Amino acid sequence: MEEQKKNMSCKYLGCIYVEKAGGMDILRPAIEKLVKTVPENRWLPVEIHISPTSIIVYSDDVYLLNICSLFFQ
């Protein structure tokens, strides 16, 4: 049985350190910092595939980022 997944098109600006894992109150300032510091001509169009166990970022069929987290109870 295949996992449900969501696919989105967006722009990849890079990554930035955050103090702790958290919700949008932690992520919003980090995203705003990237938007202000990375010139728009450096924003990379990507496809993001999100499922319950992974997040995969593709650009032109090349993995840029692959985060897999499996949780068993």
PDB file of N, CA and C in Angstrom:
ATOM      1  N   MET A   1       0.843  -1.179   0.000  1.00  0.00           N
ATOM      2  CA  MET A   1       0.000   0.000   0.000  1.00  0.00           C
ATOM      3  C   MET A   1       0.892   1.248   0.000  1.00  0.00           C
ATOM      4  N   GLU A   2       0.648   2.118  -0.940  1.00  0.00           N
ATOM      5  CA  GLU A   2       1.470   3.327  -1.064  1.00  0.00           C
ATOM      6  C   GLU A   2       0.993   4.408  -0.097  1.00  0.00           C
ATOM      7  N   GLU A   3       1.968   5.134   0.468  1.00  0.00           N
ATOM      8  CA  GLU A   3       1.644   6.231   1.386  1.00  0.00           C
ATOM      9  C   GLU A   3       0.996   7.386   0.636  1.00  0.00           C
ATOM     10  N   GLN A   4       0.111   8.087   1.316  1.00  0.00           N
ATOM     11  CA  GLN A   4      -0.399   9.329   0.758  1.00  0.00           C
ATOM     12  C   GLN A   4       0.730  10.340   0.777  1.00  0.00           C
ATOM     13  N   LYS A   5       0.798  11.142  -0.277  1.00  0.00           N
ATOM     14  CA  LYS A   5       1.824  12.170  -0.300  1.00  0.00           C
ATOM     15  C   LYS A   5       1.275  13.433  -0.943  1.00  0.00           C
ATOM     16  N   LYS A   6       1.904  14.516  -0.623  1.00  0.00           N
ATOM     17  CA  LYS A   6       1.535  15.826  -1.171  1.00  0.00           C
ATOM     18  C   LYS A   6       2.729  16.333  -1.962  1.00  0.00           C
ATOM     19  N   ASN A   7       2.490  16.824  -3.153  1.00  0.00           N
ATOM     20  CA  ASN A   7       3.541  17.379  -4.005  1.00  0.00           C
ATOM     21  C   ASN A   7       3.290  18.869  -4.175  1.00  0.00           C
ATOM     22  N   MET A   8       4.357  19.661  -4.048  1.00  0.00           N
ATOM     23  CA  MET A   8       4.241  21.108  -4.185  1.00  0.00           C
ATOM     24  C   MET A   8       5.407  21.663  -4.984  1.00  0.00           C
ATOM     25  N   SER A   9       5.135  22.714  -5.724  1.00  0.00           N
ATOM     26  CA  SER A   9       6.192  23.469  -6.394  1.00  0.00           C
ATOM     27  C   SER A   9       6.485  24.694  -5.550  1.00  0.00           C
ATOM     28  N   CYS A  10       7.755  24.984  -5.362  1.00  0.00           N
ATOM     29  CA  CYS A  10       8.129  26.171  -4.585  1.00  0.00           C
ATOM     30  C   CYS A  10       9.550  26.574  -4.943  1.00  0.00           C
ATOM     31  N   LYS A  11      10.110  27.501  -4.186  1.00  0.00           N
ATOM     32  CA  LYS A  11      11.479  27.969  -4.382  1.00  0.00           C
ATOM     33  C   LYS A  11      12.322  27.556  -3.184  1.00  0.00           C
ATOM     34  N   TYR A  12      13.531  27.050  -3.442  1.00  0.00           N
ATOM     35  CA  TYR A  12      14.469  26.652  -2.390  1.00  0.00           C
ATOM     36  C   TYR A  12      15.489  27.764  -2.217  1.00  0.00           C
ATOM     37  N   LEU A  13      15.582  28.283  -0.988  1.00  0.00           N
ATOM     38  CA  LEU A  13      16.501  29.386  -0.709  1.00  0.00           C
ATOM     39  C   LEU A  13      17.740  28.921   0.030  1.00  0.00           C
ATOM     40  N   GLY A  14      17.724  27.728   0.558  1.00  0.00           N
ATOM     41  CA  GLY A  14      18.847  27.223   1.328  1.00  0.00           C
ATOM     42  C   GLY A  14      18.381  26.756   2.692  1.00  0.00           C
ATOM     43  N   CYS A  15      19.311  26.648   3.614  1.00  0.00           N
ATOM     44  CA  CYS A  15      18.950  26.220   4.964  1.00  0.00           C
ATOM     45  C   CYS A  15      19.594  27.168   5.965  1.00  0.00           C
ATOM     46  N   ILE A  16      19.028  27.192   7.154  1.00  0.00           N
ATOM     47  CA  ILE A  16      19.495  28.095   8.192  1.00  0.00           C
ATOM     48  C   ILE A  16      19.287  27.418   9.542  1.00  0.00           C
ATOM     49  N   TYR A  17      20.169  27.672  10.475  1.00  0.00           N
ATOM     50  CA  TYR A  17      20.102  27.090  11.806  1.00  0.00           C
ATOM     51  C   TYR A  17      18.981  27.750  12.611  1.00  0.00           C
ATOM     52  N   VAL A  18      18.228  26.943  13.350  1.00  0.00           N
ATOM     53  CA  VAL A  18      17.243  27.450  14.304  1.00  0.00           C
ATOM     54  C   VAL A  18      17.588  26.890  15.677  1.00  0.00           C
ATOM     55  N   GLU A  19      17.235  27.611  16.708  1.00  0.00           N
ATOM     56  CA  GLU A  19      17.604  27.254  18.079  1.00  0.00           C
ATOM     57  C   GLU A  19      16.990  25.944  18.563  1.00  0.00           C
ATOM     58  N   LYS A  20      15.761  25.650  18.116  1.00  0.00           N
ATOM     59  CA  LYS A  20      15.092  24.432  18.578  1.00  0.00           C
ATOM     60  C   LYS A  20      14.046  24.019  17.560  1.00  0.00           C
ATOM     61  N   ALA A  21      13.645  22.774  17.635  1.00  0.00           N
ATOM     62  CA  ALA A  21      12.556  22.300  16.793  1.00  0.00           C
ATOM     63  C   ALA A  21      11.276  22.948  17.304  1.00  0.00           C
ATOM     64  N   GLY A  22      10.414  23.328  16.408  1.00  0.00           N
ATOM     65  CA  GLY A  22       9.195  23.982  16.850  1.00  0.00           C
ATOM     66  C   GLY A  22       8.265  24.255  15.699  1.00  0.00           C
ATOM     67  N   GLY A  23       7.275  25.055  15.960  1.00  0.00           N
ATOM     68  CA  GLY A  23       6.266  25.383  14.969  1.00  0.00           C
ATOM     69  C   GLY A  23       6.627  26.623  14.181  1.00  0.00           C
ATOM     70  N   MET A  24       5.598  27.253  13.647  1.00  0.00           N
ATOM     71  CA  MET A  24       5.792  28.422  12.797  1.00  0.00           C
ATOM     72  C   MET A  24       6.399  29.598  13.543  1.00  0.00           C
ATOM     73  N   ASP A  25       6.221  29.676  14.859  1.00  0.00           N
ATOM     74  CA  ASP A  25       6.839  30.774  15.608  1.00  0.00           C
ATOM     75  C   ASP A  25       8.365  30.680  15.566  1.00  0.00           C
ATOM     76  N   ILE A  26       8.912  29.497  15.374  1.00  0.00           N
ATOM     77  CA  ILE A  26      10.357  29.295  15.228  1.00  0.00           C
ATOM     78  C   ILE A  26      10.763  29.434  13.758  1.00  0.00           C
ATOM     79  N   LEU A  27       9.956  28.867  12.864  1.00  0.00           N
ATOM     80  CA  LEU A  27      10.311  28.855  11.440  1.00  0.00           C
ATOM     81  C   LEU A  27      10.154  30.201  10.753  1.00  0.00           C
ATOM     82  N   ARG A  28       9.130  30.960  11.104  1.00  0.00           N
ATOM     83  CA  ARG A  28       8.850  32.219  10.405  1.00  0.00           C
ATOM     84  C   ARG A  28      10.055  33.170  10.395  1.00  0.00           C
ATOM     85  N   PRO A  29      10.707  33.456  11.546  1.00  0.00           N
ATOM     86  CA  PRO A  29      11.874  34.347  11.504  1.00  0.00           C
ATOM     87  C   PRO A  29      13.023  33.789  10.645  1.00  0.00           C
ATOM     88  N   ALA A  30      13.209  32.472  10.654  1.00  0.00           N
ATOM     89  CA  ALA A  30      14.265  31.874   9.836  1.00  0.00           C
ATOM     90  C   ALA A  30      13.957  32.044   8.349  1.00  0.00           C
ATOM     91  N   ILE A  31      12.707  31.817   7.973  1.00  0.00           N
ATOM     92  CA  ILE A  31      12.300  31.990   6.575  1.00  0.00           C
ATOM     93  C   ILE A  31      12.457  33.454   6.164  1.00  0.00           C
ATOM     94  N   GLU A  32      12.021  34.367   7.028  1.00  0.00           N
ATOM     95  CA  GLU A  32      12.149  35.797   6.721  1.00  0.00           C
ATOM     96  C   GLU A  32      13.611  36.201   6.545  1.00  0.00           C
ATOM     97  N   LYS A  33      14.499  35.636   7.353  1.00  0.00           N
ATOM     98  CA  LYS A  33      15.925  35.950   7.228  1.00  0.00           C
ATOM     99  C   LYS A  33      16.467  35.482   5.874  1.00  0.00           C
ATOM    100  N   LEU A  34      16.096  34.273   5.455  1.00  0.00           N
ATOM    101  CA  LEU A  34      16.541  33.773   4.151  1.00  0.00           C
ATOM    102  C   LEU A  34      16.002  34.636   3.021  1.00  0.00           C
ATOM    103  N   VAL A  35      14.725  34.992   3.097  1.00  0.00           N
ATOM    104  CA  VAL A  35      14.112  35.807   2.042  1.00  0.00           C
ATOM    105  C   VAL A  35      14.834  37.145   1.914  1.00  0.00           C
ATOM    106  N   LYS A  36      15.257  37.720   3.044  1.00  0.00           N
ATOM    107  CA  LYS A  36      15.929  39.022   3.027  1.00  0.00           C
ATOM    108  C   LYS A  36      17.392  38.934   2.586  1.00  0.00           C
ATOM    109  N   THR A  37      18.039  37.775   2.798  1.00  0.00           N
ATOM    110  CA  THR A  37      19.477  37.695   2.531  1.00  0.00           C
ATOM    111  C   THR A  37      19.851  36.978   1.230  1.00  0.00           C
ATOM    112  N   VAL A  38      18.953  36.160   0.696  1.00  0.00           N
ATOM    113  CA  VAL A  38      19.250  35.432  -0.545  1.00  0.00           C
ATOM    114  C   VAL A  38      18.604  36.182  -1.715  1.00  0.00           C
ATOM    115  N   PRO A  39      19.407  36.666  -2.682  1.00  0.00           N
ATOM    116  CA  PRO A  39      18.831  37.379  -3.833  1.00  0.00           C
ATOM    117  C   PRO A  39      17.876  36.475  -4.615  1.00  0.00           C
ATOM    118  N   GLU A  40      16.816  37.061  -5.147  1.00  0.00           N
ATOM    119  CA  GLU A  40      15.798  36.268  -5.864  1.00  0.00           C
ATOM    120  C   GLU A  40      16.371  35.476  -7.028  1.00  0.00           C
ATOM    121  N   ASN A  41      17.412  35.982  -7.669  1.00  0.00           N
ATOM    122  CA  ASN A  41      17.988  35.231  -8.796  1.00  0.00           C
ATOM    123  C   ASN A  41      18.707  33.965  -8.341  1.00  0.00           C
ATOM    124  N   ARG A  42      18.860  33.774  -7.019  1.00  0.00           N
ATOM    125  CA  ARG A  42      19.473  32.564  -6.468  1.00  0.00           C
ATOM    126  C   ARG A  42      18.425  31.571  -5.944  1.00  0.00           C
ATOM    127  N   TRP A  43      17.139  31.938  -5.984  1.00  0.00           N
ATOM    128  CA  TRP A  43      16.077  31.049  -5.530  1.00  0.00           C
ATOM    129  C   TRP A  43      15.909  29.943  -6.573  1.00  0.00           C
ATOM    130  N   LEU A  44      15.967  28.708  -6.144  1.00  0.00           N
ATOM    131  CA  LEU A  44      15.947  27.559  -7.038  1.00  0.00           C
ATOM    132  C   LEU A  44      14.542  26.952  -7.097  1.00  0.00           C
ATOM    133  N   PRO A  45      13.936  26.860  -8.300  1.00  0.00           N
ATOM    134  CA  PRO A  45      12.628  26.213  -8.390  1.00  0.00           C
ATOM    135  C   PRO A  45      12.768  24.717  -8.091  1.00  0.00           C
ATOM    136  N   VAL A  46      11.931  24.215  -7.203  1.00  0.00           N
ATOM    137  CA  VAL A  46      12.005  22.816  -6.792  1.00  0.00           C
ATOM    138  C   VAL A  46      10.609  22.221  -6.667  1.00  0.00           C
ATOM    139  N   GLU A  47      10.565  20.910  -6.594  1.00  0.00           N
ATOM    140  CA  GLU A  47       9.363  20.146  -6.271  1.00  0.00           C
ATOM    141  C   GLU A  47       9.587  19.509  -4.906  1.00  0.00           C
ATOM    142  N   ILE A  48       8.608  19.585  -4.047  1.00  0.00           N
ATOM    143  CA  ILE A  48       8.697  18.960  -2.728  1.00  0.00           C
ATOM    144  C   ILE A  48       7.659  17.856  -2.660  1.00  0.00           C
ATOM    145  N   HIS A  49       8.097  16.679  -2.219  1.00  0.00           N
ATOM    146  CA  HIS A  49       7.212  15.536  -2.025  1.00  0.00           C
ATOM    147  C   HIS A  49       7.174  15.246  -0.521  1.00  0.00           C
ATOM    148  N   ILE A  50       6.008  15.390   0.077  1.00  0.00           N
ATOM    149  CA  ILE A  50       5.852  15.200   1.517  1.00  0.00           C
ATOM    150  C   ILE A  50       4.927  14.021   1.766  1.00  0.00           C
ATOM    151  N   SER A  51       5.388  13.090   2.597  1.00  0.00           N
ATOM    152  CA  SER A  51       4.573  11.945   3.007  1.00  0.00           C
ATOM    153  C   SER A  51       4.683  11.824   4.526  1.00  0.00           C
ATOM    154  N   PRO A  52       3.930  10.921   5.130  1.00  0.00           N
ATOM    155  CA  PRO A  52       4.021  10.761   6.584  1.00  0.00           C
ATOM    156  C   PRO A  52       5.418  10.370   7.075  1.00  0.00           C
ATOM    157  N   THR A  53       6.245   9.797   6.210  1.00  0.00           N
ATOM    158  CA  THR A  53       7.563   9.336   6.661  1.00  0.00           C
ATOM    159  C   THR A  53       8.745  10.069   6.051  1.00  0.00           C
ATOM    160  N   SER A  54       8.508  10.981   5.090  1.00  0.00           N
ATOM    161  CA  SER A  54       9.662  11.631   4.464  1.00  0.00           C
ATOM    162  C   SER A  54       9.306  12.966   3.833  1.00  0.00           C
ATOM    163  N   ILE A  55      10.345  13.760   3.630  1.00  0.00           N
ATOM    164  CA  ILE A  55      10.274  14.996   2.854  1.00  0.00           C
ATOM    165  C   ILE A  55      11.423  14.927   1.857  1.00  0.00           C
ATOM    166  N   ILE A  56      11.095  15.054   0.578  1.00  0.00           N
ATOM    167  CA  ILE A  56      12.115  14.985  -0.467  1.00  0.00           C
ATOM    168  C   ILE A  56      12.009  16.243  -1.324  1.00  0.00           C
ATOM    169  N   VAL A  57      13.146  16.899  -1.543  1.00  0.00           N
ATOM    170  CA  VAL A  57      13.202  18.107  -2.371  1.00  0.00           C
ATOM    171  C   VAL A  57      13.977  17.762  -3.649  1.00  0.00           C
ATOM    172  N   TYR A  58      13.344  17.981  -4.799  1.00  0.00           N
ATOM    173  CA  TYR A  58      13.948  17.702  -6.100  1.00  0.00           C
ATOM    174  C   TYR A  58      14.137  18.987  -6.883  1.00  0.00           C
ATOM    175  N   SER A  59      15.204  19.027  -7.662  1.00  0.00           N
ATOM    176  CA  SER A  59      15.382  20.070  -8.662  1.00  0.00           C
ATOM    177  C   SER A  59      15.868  19.388  -9.935  1.00  0.00           C
ATOM    178  N   ASP A  60      15.090  19.512 -10.994  1.00  0.00           N
ATOM    179  CA  ASP A  60      15.441  18.863 -12.263  1.00  0.00           C
ATOM    180  C   ASP A  60      15.768  17.385 -12.067  1.00  0.00           C
ATOM    181  N   ASP A  61      14.916  16.677 -11.326  1.00  0.00           N
ATOM    182  CA  ASP A  61      15.054  15.237 -11.061  1.00  0.00           C
ATOM    183  C   ASP A  61      16.306  14.870 -10.279  1.00  0.00           C
ATOM    184  N   VAL A  62      16.890  15.816  -9.556  1.00  0.00           N
ATOM    185  CA  VAL A  62      18.058  15.562  -8.714  1.00  0.00           C
ATOM    186  C   VAL A  62      17.649  15.817  -7.265  1.00  0.00           C
ATOM    187  N   TYR A  63      17.993  14.855  -6.377  1.00  0.00           N
ATOM    188  CA  TYR A  63      17.717  15.056  -4.946  1.00  0.00           C
ATOM    189  C   TYR A  63      18.538  16.227  -4.426  1.00  0.00           C
ATOM    190  N   LEU A  64      17.895  17.182  -3.796  1.00  0.00           N
ATOM    191  CA  LEU A  64      18.618  18.232  -3.091  1.00  0.00           C
ATOM    192  C   LEU A  64      18.628  17.927  -1.600  1.00  0.00           C
ATOM    193  N   LEU A  65      17.536  17.356  -1.136  1.00  0.00           N
ATOM    194  CA  LEU A  65      17.383  17.106   0.278  1.00  0.00           C
ATOM    195  C   LEU A  65      16.447  15.929   0.431  1.00  0.00           C
ATOM    196  N   ASN A  66      16.791  15.017   1.303  1.00  0.00           N
ATOM    197  CA  ASN A  66      15.949  13.859   1.565  1.00  0.00           C
ATOM    198  C   ASN A  66      15.946  13.612   3.059  1.00  0.00           C
ATOM    199  N   ILE A  67      14.824  13.890   3.693  1.00  0.00           N
ATOM    200  CA  ILE A  67      14.700  13.697   5.135  1.00  0.00           C
ATOM    201  C   ILE A  67      13.700  12.581   5.368  1.00  0.00           C
ATOM    202  N   CYS A  68      14.164  11.522   6.014  1.00  0.00           N
ATOM    203  CA  CYS A  68      13.287  10.393   6.311  1.00  0.00           C
ATOM    204  C   CYS A  68      13.233  10.185   7.806  1.00  0.00           C
ATOM    205  N   SER A  69      12.041  10.105   8.334  1.00  0.00           N
ATOM    206  CA  SER A  69      11.846   9.829   9.748  1.00  0.00           C
ATOM    207  C   SER A  69      10.761   8.786   9.875  1.00  0.00           C
ATOM    208  N   LEU A  70      11.120   7.645  10.382  1.00  0.00           N
ATOM    209  CA  LEU A  70      10.154   6.574  10.585  1.00  0.00           C
ATOM    210  C   LEU A  70       9.870   6.417  12.064  1.00  0.00           C
ATOM    211  N   PHE A  71       8.631   6.460  12.420  1.00  0.00           N
ATOM    212  CA  PHE A  71       8.244   6.317  13.826  1.00  0.00           C
ATOM    213  C   PHE A  71       7.348   5.092  13.959  1.00  0.00           C
ATOM    214  N   PHE A  72       7.728   4.196  14.837  1.00  0.00           N
ATOM    215  CA  PHE A  72       6.939   3.000  15.096  1.00  0.00           C
ATOM    216  C   PHE A  72       6.434   3.038  16.521  1.00  0.00           C
ATOM    217  N   GLN A  73       5.207   2.614  16.695  1.00  0.00           N
ATOM    218  CA  GLN A  73       4.638   2.576  18.047  1.00  0.00           C
ATOM    219  C   GLN A  73       4.313   1.150  18.410  1.00  0.00           C
TER     220      GLN A  73
END
